[in-house]
PDB file of all heavy atoms in Angstrom:
ATOM      1  N   GLU A   1      -4.694  18.867  21.577  1.00  0.00           N
ATOM      2  CA  GLU A   1      -4.742  20.257  22.036  1.00  0.00           C
ATOM      3  C   GLU A   1      -4.359  21.258  20.945  1.00  0.00           C
ATOM      4  O   GLU A   1      -4.332  22.457  21.190  1.00  0.00           O
ATOM      5  CB  GLU A   1      -3.792  20.441  23.237  1.00  0.00           C
ATOM      6  CG  GLU A   1      -4.055  19.497  24.395  1.00  0.00           C
ATOM      7  CD  GLU A   1      -5.458  19.653  24.944  1.00  0.00           C
ATOM      8  OE1 GLU A   1      -5.941  20.801  24.996  1.00  0.00           O
ATOM      9  OE2 GLU A   1      -6.081  18.629  25.302  1.00  0.00           O
ATOM     10  N   THR A   2      -4.058  20.749  19.750  1.00  0.00           N
ATOM     11  CA  THR A   2      -3.629  21.646  18.668  1.00  0.00           C
ATOM     12  C   THR A   2      -4.839  22.274  17.987  1.00  0.00           C
ATOM     13  O   THR A   2      -5.706  21.559  17.482  1.00  0.00           O
ATOM     14  CB  THR A   2      -2.799  20.861  17.625  1.00  0.00           C
ATOM     15  OG1 THR A   2      -1.661  20.280  18.265  1.00  0.00           O
ATOM     16  CG2 THR A   2      -2.333  21.778  16.503  1.00  0.00           C
ATOM     17  N   PRO A   3      -4.947  23.606  17.960  1.00  0.00           N
ATOM     18  CA  PRO A   3      -6.086  24.272  17.316  1.00  0.00           C
ATOM     19  C   PRO A   3      -6.198  23.871  15.847  1.00  0.00           C
ATOM     20  O   PRO A   3      -5.200  23.798  15.130  1.00  0.00           O
ATOM     21  CB  PRO A   3      -5.752  25.764  17.459  1.00  0.00           C
ATOM     22  CG  PRO A   3      -4.816  25.828  18.620  1.00  0.00           C
ATOM     23  CD  PRO A   3      -4.006  24.569  18.570  1.00  0.00           C
ATOM     24  N   GLY A   4      -7.418  23.579  15.415  1.00  0.00           N
ATOM     25  CA  GLY A   4      -7.650  23.229  14.019  1.00  0.00           C
ATOM     26  C   GLY A   4      -7.641  21.749  13.733  1.00  0.00           C
ATOM     27  O   GLY A   4      -8.081  21.313  12.668  1.00  0.00           O
ATOM     28  N   VAL A   5      -7.134  20.926  14.657  1.00  0.00           N
ATOM     29  CA  VAL A   5      -7.118  19.474  14.464  1.00  0.00           C
ATOM     30  C   VAL A   5      -8.375  18.881  15.081  1.00  0.00           C
ATOM     31  O   VAL A   5      -8.589  18.974  16.292  1.00  0.00           O
ATOM     32  CB  VAL A   5      -5.857  18.831  15.094  1.00  0.00           C
ATOM     33  CG1 VAL A   5      -5.937  17.313  15.022  1.00  0.00           C
ATOM     34  CG2 VAL A   5      -4.607  19.331  14.396  1.00  0.00           C
ATOM     35  N   ARG A   6      -9.223  18.283  14.255  1.00  0.00           N
ATOM     36  CA  ARG A   6     -10.464  17.676  14.734  1.00  0.00           C
ATOM     37  C   ARG A   6     -10.255  16.213  15.124  1.00  0.00           C
ATOM     38  O   ARG A   6     -10.715  15.764  16.170  1.00  0.00           O
ATOM     39  CB  ARG A   6     -11.538  17.760  13.648  1.00  0.00           C
ATOM     40  CG  ARG A   6     -11.955  19.175  13.293  1.00  0.00           C
ATOM     41  CD  ARG A   6     -12.655  19.852  14.461  1.00  0.00           C
ATOM     42  NE  ARG A   6     -13.210  21.143  14.091  1.00  0.00           N
ATOM     43  CZ  ARG A   6     -14.435  21.323  13.626  1.00  0.00           C
ATOM     44  NH1 ARG A   6     -15.232  20.279  13.452  1.00  0.00           N
ATOM     45  NH2 ARG A   6     -14.876  22.526  13.320  1.00  0.00           N
ATOM     46  N   GLU A   7      -9.588  15.473  14.226  1.00  0.00           N
ATOM     47  CA  GLU A   7      -9.290  14.057  14.472  1.00  0.00           C
ATOM     48  C   GLU A   7      -7.889  13.775  13.946  1.00  0.00           C
ATOM     49  O   GLU A   7      -7.432  14.436  13.008  1.00  0.00           O
ATOM     50  CB  GLU A   7     -10.303  13.143  13.776  1.00  0.00           C
ATOM     51  CG  GLU A   7     -11.742  13.317  14.226  1.00  0.00           C
ATOM     52  CD  GLU A   7     -12.671  12.346  13.505  1.00  0.00           C
ATOM     53  OE1 GLU A   7     -12.536  11.124  13.713  1.00  0.00           O
ATOM     54  OE2 GLU A   7     -13.520  12.815  12.731  1.00  0.00           O
ATOM     55  N   ALA A   8      -7.223  12.771  14.530  1.00  0.00           N
ATOM     56  CA  ALA A   8      -5.849  12.487  14.091  1.00  0.00           C
ATOM     57  C   ALA A   8      -5.428  11.087  14.500  1.00  0.00           C
ATOM     58  O   ALA A   8      -5.947  10.513  15.466  1.00  0.00           O
ATOM     59  CB  ALA A   8      -4.874  13.509  14.677  1.00  0.00           C
ATOM     60  N   ALA A   9      -4.479  10.536  13.745  1.00  0.00           N
ATOM     61  CA  ALA A   9      -3.866   9.247  14.077  1.00  0.00           C
ATOM     62  C   ALA A   9      -2.412   9.297  13.626  1.00  0.00           C
ATOM     63  O   ALA A   9      -2.066  10.011  12.671  1.00  0.00           O
ATOM     64  CB  ALA A   9      -4.597   8.093  13.398  1.00  0.00           C
ATOM     65  N   LEU A  10      -1.560   8.549  14.309  1.00  0.00           N
ATOM     66  CA  LEU A  10      -0.127   8.542  14.036  1.00  0.00           C
ATOM     67  C   LEU A  10       0.344   7.114  13.800  1.00  0.00           C
ATOM     68  O   LEU A  10       0.146   6.246  14.645  1.00  0.00           O
ATOM     69  CB  LEU A  10       0.632   9.155  15.215  1.00  0.00           C
ATOM     70  CG  LEU A  10       2.164   9.130  15.166  1.00  0.00           C
ATOM     71  CD1 LEU A  10       2.672   9.974  14.003  1.00  0.00           C
ATOM     72  CD2 LEU A  10       2.749   9.640  16.479  1.00  0.00           C
ATOM     73  N   LEU A  11       0.937   6.878  12.639  1.00  0.00           N
ATOM     74  CA  LEU A  11       1.492   5.570  12.291  1.00  0.00           C
ATOM     75  C   LEU A  11       3.009   5.670  12.300  1.00  0.00           C
ATOM     76  O   LEU A  11       3.586   6.532  11.631  1.00  0.00           O
ATOM     77  CB  LEU A  11       1.006   5.137  10.901  1.00  0.00           C
ATOM     78  CG  LEU A  11       1.633   3.875  10.315  1.00  0.00           C
ATOM     79  CD1 LEU A  11       1.212   2.642  11.120  1.00  0.00           C
ATOM     80  CD2 LEU A  11       1.253   3.697   8.846  1.00  0.00           C
ATOM     81  N   SER A  12       3.672   4.777  13.053  1.00  0.00           N
ATOM     82  CA  SER A  12       5.133   4.805  13.113  1.00  0.00           C
ATOM     83  C   SER A  12       5.672   3.384  13.059  1.00  0.00           C
ATOM     84  O   SER A  12       5.374   2.560  13.924  1.00  0.00           O
ATOM     85  CB  SER A  12       5.600   5.501  14.395  1.00  0.00           C
ATOM     86  OG  SER A  12       7.012   5.601  14.427  1.00  0.00           O
ATOM     87  N   THR A  13       6.445   3.077  11.998  1.00  0.00           N
ATOM     88  CA  THR A  13       7.094   1.775  11.852  1.00  0.00           C
ATOM     89  C   THR A  13       8.558   2.021  11.521  1.00  0.00           C
ATOM     90  O   THR A  13       9.006   3.167  11.427  1.00  0.00           O
ATOM     91  CB  THR A  13       6.441   0.954  10.725  1.00  0.00           C
ATOM     92  OG1 THR A  13       6.828   1.514   9.447  1.00  0.00           O
ATOM     93  CG2 THR A  13       4.916   0.976  10.829  1.00  0.00           C
ATOM     94  N   CYS A  14       9.302   0.939  11.312  1.00  0.00           N
ATOM     95  CA  CYS A  14      10.722   1.103  10.995  1.00  0.00           C
ATOM     96  C   CYS A  14      10.921   1.746   9.620  1.00  0.00           C
ATOM     97  O   CYS A  14      11.976   2.333   9.349  1.00  0.00           O
ATOM     98  CB  CYS A  14      11.443  -0.239  11.054  1.00  0.00           C
ATOM     99  SG  CYS A  14      10.749  -1.484   9.945  1.00  0.00           S
ATOM    100  N   ASN A  15       9.921   1.646   8.747  1.00  0.00           N
ATOM    101  CA  ASN A  15      10.072   2.162   7.388  1.00  0.00           C
ATOM    102  C   ASN A  15       9.253   3.414   7.106  1.00  0.00           C
ATOM    103  O   ASN A  15       9.377   3.988   6.022  1.00  0.00           O
ATOM    104  CB  ASN A  15       9.708   1.088   6.352  1.00  0.00           C
ATOM    105  CG  ASN A  15      10.812   0.072   6.187  1.00  0.00           C
ATOM    106  OD1 ASN A  15      11.980   0.410   6.251  1.00  0.00           O
ATOM    107  ND2 ASN A  15      10.446  -1.177   6.020  1.00  0.00           N
ATOM    108  N   ARG A  16       8.401   3.838   8.044  1.00  0.00           N
ATOM    109  CA  ARG A  16       7.590   5.024   7.772  1.00  0.00           C
ATOM    110  C   ARG A  16       7.073   5.646   9.058  1.00  0.00           C
ATOM    111  O   ARG A  16       6.876   4.956  10.067  1.00  0.00           O
ATOM    112  CB  ARG A  16       6.422   4.694   6.843  1.00  0.00           C
ATOM    113  CG  ARG A  16       5.296   3.908   7.476  1.00  0.00           C
ATOM    114  CD  ARG A  16       4.128   3.710   6.514  1.00  0.00           C
ATOM    115  NE  ARG A  16       4.526   2.918   5.369  1.00  0.00           N
ATOM    116  CZ  ARG A  16       4.553   3.367   4.112  1.00  0.00           C
ATOM    117  NH1 ARG A  16       4.206   4.619   3.863  1.00  0.00           N
ATOM    118  NH2 ARG A  16       4.929   2.596   3.124  1.00  0.00           N
ATOM    119  N   THR A  17       6.867   6.953   9.004  1.00  0.00           N
ATOM    120  CA  THR A  17       6.128   7.695  10.033  1.00  0.00           C
ATOM    121  C   THR A  17       5.132   8.563   9.295  1.00  0.00           C
ATOM    122  O   THR A  17       5.520   9.355   8.422  1.00  0.00           O
ATOM    123  CB  THR A  17       7.060   8.572  10.884  1.00  0.00           C
ATOM    124  OG1 THR A  17       7.931   7.739  11.652  1.00  0.00           O
ATOM    125  CG2 THR A  17       6.253   9.440  11.838  1.00  0.00           C
ATOM    126  N   GLU A  18       3.841   8.413   9.618  1.00  0.00           N
ATOM    127  CA  GLU A  18       2.804   9.151   8.914  1.00  0.00           C
ATOM    128  C   GLU A  18       1.769   9.683   9.895  1.00  0.00           C
ATOM    129  O   GLU A  18       1.417   9.017  10.870  1.00  0.00           O
ATOM    130  CB  GLU A  18       2.113   8.274   7.863  1.00  0.00           C
ATOM    131  CG  GLU A  18       3.043   7.874   6.738  1.00  0.00           C
ATOM    132  CD  GLU A  18       2.339   7.168   5.598  1.00  0.00           C
ATOM    133  OE1 GLU A  18       1.202   6.690   5.788  1.00  0.00           O
ATOM    134  OE2 GLU A  18       2.944   7.077   4.521  1.00  0.00           O
ATOM    135  N   LEU A  19       1.275  10.858   9.580  1.00  0.00           N
ATOM    136  CA  LEU A  19       0.271  11.534  10.391  1.00  0.00           C
ATOM    137  C   LEU A  19      -0.973  11.712   9.525  1.00  0.00           C
ATOM    138  O   LEU A  19      -0.887  12.226   8.408  1.00  0.00           O
ATOM    139  CB  LEU A  19       0.819  12.895  10.821  1.00  0.00           C
ATOM    140  CG  LEU A  19       0.085  13.697  11.889  1.00  0.00           C
ATOM    141  CD1 LEU A  19       0.012  12.904  13.189  1.00  0.00           C
ATOM    142  CD2 LEU A  19       0.810  15.020  12.111  1.00  0.00           C
ATOM    143  N   TYR A  20      -2.118  11.238  10.021  1.00  0.00           N
ATOM    144  CA  TYR A  20      -3.383  11.412   9.315  1.00  0.00           C
ATOM    145  C   TYR A  20      -4.262  12.339  10.152  1.00  0.00           C
ATOM    146  O   TYR A  20      -4.561  12.020  11.304  1.00  0.00           O
ATOM    147  CB  TYR A  20      -4.092  10.070   9.124  1.00  0.00           C
ATOM    148  CG  TYR A  20      -3.197   8.972   8.584  1.00  0.00           C
ATOM    149  CD1 TYR A  20      -2.997   7.804   9.314  1.00  0.00           C
ATOM    150  CD2 TYR A  20      -2.550   9.102   7.358  1.00  0.00           C
ATOM    151  CE1 TYR A  20      -2.183   6.795   8.835  1.00  0.00           C
ATOM    152  CE2 TYR A  20      -1.727   8.102   6.868  1.00  0.00           C
ATOM    153  CZ  TYR A  20      -1.547   6.942   7.615  1.00  0.00           C
ATOM    154  OH  TYR A  20      -0.740   5.948   7.136  1.00  0.00           O
ATOM    155  N   CYS A  21      -4.681  13.457   9.575  1.00  0.00           N
ATOM    156  CA  CYS A  21      -5.436  14.446  10.344  1.00  0.00           C
ATOM    157  C   CYS A  21      -6.653  14.938   9.572  1.00  0.00           C
ATOM    158  O   CYS A  21      -6.588  15.154   8.353  1.00  0.00           O
ATOM    159  CB  CYS A  21      -4.564  15.655  10.674  1.00  0.00           C
ATOM    160  SG  CYS A  21      -3.293  15.339  11.894  1.00  0.00           S
ATOM    161  N   LEU A  22      -7.723  15.115  10.301  1.00  0.00           N
ATOM    162  CA  LEU A  22      -8.899  15.804   9.797  1.00  0.00           C
ATOM    163  C   LEU A  22      -8.875  17.184  10.444  1.00  0.00           C
ATOM    164  O   LEU A  22      -8.926  17.298  11.674  1.00  0.00           O
ATOM    165  CB  LEU A  22     -10.165  15.051  10.178  1.00  0.00           C
ATOM    166  CG  LEU A  22     -11.424  15.376   9.375  1.00  0.00           C
ATOM    167  CD1 LEU A  22     -11.232  14.979   7.918  1.00  0.00           C
ATOM    168  CD2 LEU A  22     -12.624  14.653   9.956  1.00  0.00           C
ATOM    169  N   THR A  23      -8.757  18.215   9.623  1.00  0.00           N
ATOM    170  CA  THR A  23      -8.527  19.562  10.151  1.00  0.00           C
ATOM    171  C   THR A  23      -9.610  20.529   9.684  1.00  0.00           C
ATOM    172  O   THR A  23     -10.353  20.256   8.732  1.00  0.00           O
ATOM    173  CB  THR A  23      -7.159  20.101   9.692  1.00  0.00           C
ATOM    174  OG1 THR A  23      -7.219  20.378   8.281  1.00  0.00           O
ATOM    175  CG2 THR A  23      -6.058  19.105   9.973  1.00  0.00           C
ATOM    176  N   ASP A  24      -9.668  21.677  10.345  1.00  0.00           N
ATOM    177  CA  ASP A  24     -10.502  22.770   9.870  1.00  0.00           C
ATOM    178  C   ASP A  24      -9.906  23.327   8.581  1.00  0.00           C
ATOM    179  O   ASP A  24      -8.786  22.981   8.194  1.00  0.00           O
ATOM    180  CB  ASP A  24     -10.565  23.880  10.928  1.00  0.00           C
ATOM    181  CG  ASP A  24     -11.331  23.434  12.174  1.00  0.00           C
ATOM    182  OD1 ASP A  24     -12.208  22.562  12.042  1.00  0.00           O
ATOM    183  OD2 ASP A  24     -11.038  23.955  13.271  1.00  0.00           O
ATOM    184  N   GLU A  25     -10.666  24.200   7.924  1.00  0.00           N
ATOM    185  CA  GLU A  25     -10.162  24.803   6.681  1.00  0.00           C
ATOM    186  C   GLU A  25      -8.848  25.549   6.931  1.00  0.00           C
ATOM    187  O   GLU A  25      -7.955  25.543   6.115  1.00  0.00           O
ATOM    188  CB  GLU A  25     -11.208  25.747   6.094  1.00  0.00           C
ATOM    189  CG  GLU A  25     -12.423  25.033   5.515  1.00  0.00           C
ATOM    190  CD  GLU A  25     -12.058  24.053   4.416  1.00  0.00           C
ATOM    191  OE1 GLU A  25     -11.138  24.349   3.622  1.00  0.00           O
ATOM    192  OE2 GLU A  25     -12.686  22.977   4.349  1.00  0.00           O
ATOM    193  N   ASP A  26      -8.759  26.218   8.087  1.00  0.00           N
ATOM    194  CA  ASP A  26      -7.493  26.856   8.474  1.00  0.00           C
ATOM    195  C   ASP A  26      -6.600  25.784   9.092  1.00  0.00           C
ATOM    196  O   ASP A  26      -6.542  25.612  10.305  1.00  0.00           O
ATOM    197  CB  ASP A  26      -7.751  27.988   9.473  1.00  0.00           C
ATOM    198  CG  ASP A  26      -8.550  29.111   8.855  1.00  0.00           C
ATOM    199  OD1 ASP A  26      -8.420  29.305   7.636  1.00  0.00           O
ATOM    200  OD2 ASP A  26      -9.306  29.776   9.587  1.00  0.00           O
ATOM    201  N   CYS A  27      -5.922  25.048   8.206  1.00  0.00           N
ATOM    202  CA  CYS A  27      -5.143  23.883   8.639  1.00  0.00           C
ATOM    203  C   CYS A  27      -3.904  24.308   9.428  1.00  0.00           C
ATOM    204  O   CYS A  27      -3.162  25.197   8.989  1.00  0.00           O
ATOM    205  CB  CYS A  27      -4.718  23.075   7.416  1.00  0.00           C
ATOM    206  SG  CYS A  27      -3.708  21.638   7.801  1.00  0.00           S
ATOM    207  N   PRO A  28      -3.661  23.695  10.581  1.00  0.00           N
ATOM    208  CA  PRO A  28      -2.431  23.991  11.322  1.00  0.00           C
ATOM    209  C   PRO A  28      -1.207  23.501  10.549  1.00  0.00           C
ATOM    210  O   PRO A  28      -1.323  22.642   9.667  1.00  0.00           O
ATOM    211  CB  PRO A  28      -2.615  23.210  12.630  1.00  0.00           C
ATOM    212  CG  PRO A  28      -3.572  22.123  12.300  1.00  0.00           C
ATOM    213  CD  PRO A  28      -4.499  22.676  11.264  1.00  0.00           C
ATOM    214  N   ASP A  29      -0.052  24.027  10.883  1.00  0.00           N
ATOM    215  CA  ASP A  29       1.195  23.650  10.204  1.00  0.00           C
ATOM    216  C   ASP A  29       1.705  22.336  10.787  1.00  0.00           C
ATOM    217  O   ASP A  29       2.437  22.314  11.777  1.00  0.00           O
ATOM    218  CB  ASP A  29       2.233  24.756  10.381  1.00  0.00           C
ATOM    219  CG  ASP A  29       3.429  24.550   9.474  1.00  0.00           C
ATOM    220  OD1 ASP A  29       3.661  23.402   9.058  1.00  0.00           O
ATOM    221  OD2 ASP A  29       4.123  25.530   9.189  1.00  0.00           O
ATOM    222  N   LEU A  30       1.307  21.222  10.154  1.00  0.00           N
ATOM    223  CA  LEU A  30       1.679  19.904  10.661  1.00  0.00           C
ATOM    224  C   LEU A  30       3.156  19.604  10.446  1.00  0.00           C
ATOM    225  O   LEU A  30       3.751  18.832  11.204  1.00  0.00           O
ATOM    226  CB  LEU A  30       0.810  18.834   9.992  1.00  0.00           C
ATOM    227  CG  LEU A  30      -0.695  18.938  10.292  1.00  0.00           C
ATOM    228  CD1 LEU A  30      -1.476  17.926   9.468  1.00  0.00           C
ATOM    229  CD2 LEU A  30      -0.963  18.724  11.782  1.00  0.00           C
TER     230      LEU A  30
END
C-alpha cells in the first residue's frame, strides 16, 4: 500500500534484515 513501491521482498534472519524494492523514480523513504 506504500505509494511508489512497485515490487518488494523482505529478508529477515538472525544476522540480517534486508528490504529489496522496485520503486518509481520518486522513491519512497524506505
